[in-house]
Protein backbone atom coordinates (compact mmCIF):
# COMPACT_ATOMS: atom_id res chain seq x y z
CA UNK A 1 -12.85 124.80 77.24
CA UNK A 2 -12.86 126.38 73.78
CA UNK A 3 -9.46 125.23 73.77
CA UNK A 4 -10.39 121.63 73.92
CA UNK A 5 -13.21 122.10 71.12
CA UNK A 6 -11.04 123.74 68.84
CA UNK A 7 -7.92 120.91 69.29
CA UNK A 8 -10.43 118.33 69.14
CA UNK A 9 -11.40 119.03 65.86
CA UNK A 10 -8.37 118.56 63.91
CA UNK A 11 -8.41 115.22 65.66
CA UNK A 12 -11.61 114.39 64.22
CA UNK A 13 -10.78 115.49 60.66
CA UNK A 14 -7.55 113.45 60.47
CA UNK A 15 -9.39 110.16 60.96
CA UNK A 16 -9.45 108.48 57.83
CA UNK A 17 -12.79 108.46 55.85
CA UNK A 18 -14.66 105.31 55.13
CA UNK A 19 -15.40 104.09 51.61
CA UNK A 20 -18.59 102.16 51.42
CA UNK A 21 -18.94 101.62 48.34
CA UNK A 22 -15.41 100.18 47.83
CA UNK A 23 -16.30 98.20 51.44
CA UNK A 24 -19.58 96.86 49.65
CA UNK A 25 -17.55 95.76 46.49
CA UNK A 26 -15.21 93.90 48.35
CA UNK A 27 -18.05 92.21 50.56
CA UNK A 28 -19.72 91.11 47.10
CA UNK A 29 -16.48 90.14 45.55
CA UNK A 30 -15.78 87.71 48.20
CA UNK A 31 -19.58 86.58 48.92
CA UNK A 32 -18.88 85.07 44.81
CA UNK A 33 -15.60 83.68 45.45
CA UNK A 34 -17.16 81.59 48.59
CA UNK A 35 -20.03 80.82 45.88
CA UNK A 36 -17.59 79.56 43.14
CA UNK A 37 -15.79 77.49 46.07
CA UNK A 38 -18.44 76.08 47.05
CA UNK A 39 -20.03 74.86 43.40
CA UNK A 40 -16.22 73.49 42.20
CA UNK A 41 -16.71 70.04 44.62
CA UNK A 42 -20.31 69.48 43.15
CA UNK A 43 -19.12 70.30 39.85
CA UNK A 44 -16.16 67.91 39.86
CA UNK A 45 -18.54 65.12 40.89
CA UNK A 46 -21.07 65.52 38.66
CA UNK A 47 -18.12 65.43 35.79
CA UNK A 48 -16.98 62.34 37.44
CA UNK A 49 -20.43 60.73 37.94
CA UNK A 50 -21.11 61.58 34.35
CA UNK A 51 -18.03 59.72 32.81
CA UNK A 52 -18.57 56.68 34.95
CA UNK A 53 -22.46 56.70 33.58
CA UNK A 54 -20.72 56.48 29.82
CA UNK A 55 -18.42 53.75 30.91
CA UNK A 56 -21.36 51.67 32.13
CA UNK A 57 -23.31 52.19 29.22
CA UNK A 58 -20.69 50.95 27.22
CA UNK A 59 -20.63 48.18 29.16
CA UNK A 60 -24.29 47.47 29.03
CA UNK A 61 -24.28 47.90 25.27
CA UNK A 62 -21.57 45.06 25.35
CA UNK A 63 -23.49 43.19 27.42
CA UNK A 64 -26.45 43.56 25.22
CA UNK A 65 -24.95 42.61 22.11
CA UNK A 66 -23.40 39.34 23.57
CA UNK A 67 -26.84 38.71 25.19
CA UNK A 68 -27.86 38.57 21.36
CA UNK A 69 -25.10 36.15 19.98
CA UNK A 70 -26.16 34.10 22.47
CA UNK A 71 -29.77 33.78 22.04
CA UNK A 72 -28.85 33.64 18.30
CA UNK A 73 -26.91 30.54 19.08
CA UNK A 74 -29.63 29.36 21.29
CA UNK A 75 -32.26 29.26 18.61
CA UNK A 76 -30.15 27.85 16.36
CA UNK A 77 -29.21 24.89 18.61
CA UNK A 78 -31.94 23.97 19.84
CA UNK A 79 -33.65 23.76 16.38
CA UNK A 80 -34.06 20.66 14.69
CA UNK A 81 -31.26 18.56 13.63
CA UNK A 82 -29.05 21.37 15.35
CA UNK A 83 -27.30 17.95 17.11
CA UNK A 84 -26.70 16.56 14.07
CA UNK A 85 -25.29 19.21 12.61
CA UNK A 86 -22.95 20.24 14.99
CA UNK A 87 -21.47 16.43 15.54
CA UNK A 88 -20.54 16.83 11.56
CA UNK A 89 -18.74 20.37 12.40
CA UNK A 90 -16.72 17.92 15.07
CA UNK A 91 -16.06 15.44 12.10
CA UNK A 92 -18.34 12.60 13.22
CA UNK A 93 -20.59 10.29 11.13
CA UNK A 94 -23.42 7.73 11.51
CA UNK A 95 -22.88 4.26 12.53
CA UNK A 96 -22.78 2.51 9.17
CA UNK A 97 -21.61 5.78 7.32
CA UNK A 98 -18.45 5.64 5.11
CA UNK A 99 -16.10 8.66 6.53
CA UNK A 100 -14.01 10.36 4.13
CA UNK A 101 -10.94 12.97 4.61
CA UNK A 102 -10.80 15.62 1.92
CA UNK A 103 -6.74 16.92 1.82
CA UNK A 104 -6.01 20.12 -0.52
């Protein structure tokens, strides 16, 4: 029996030892890698939404300018004498008036 115990000792010493610090570092590194992978898609989605929002804001500003221009035009056309002013711009004259054409 003494022989079996003595023979078992060299085998036990030949086993490789586990370096738990290295295993812990690898586990932390793997966890960090997984977290980074999980954040890539939401960040890309956020960037895309930000770009879409910027385009929407530009469209909104364009539409607001168009609205303001149309409001001014409506105000201009709803005043007194607006119909006559527009008719004269088109070259119309009142009945009984003598039309003149000025040529350069």
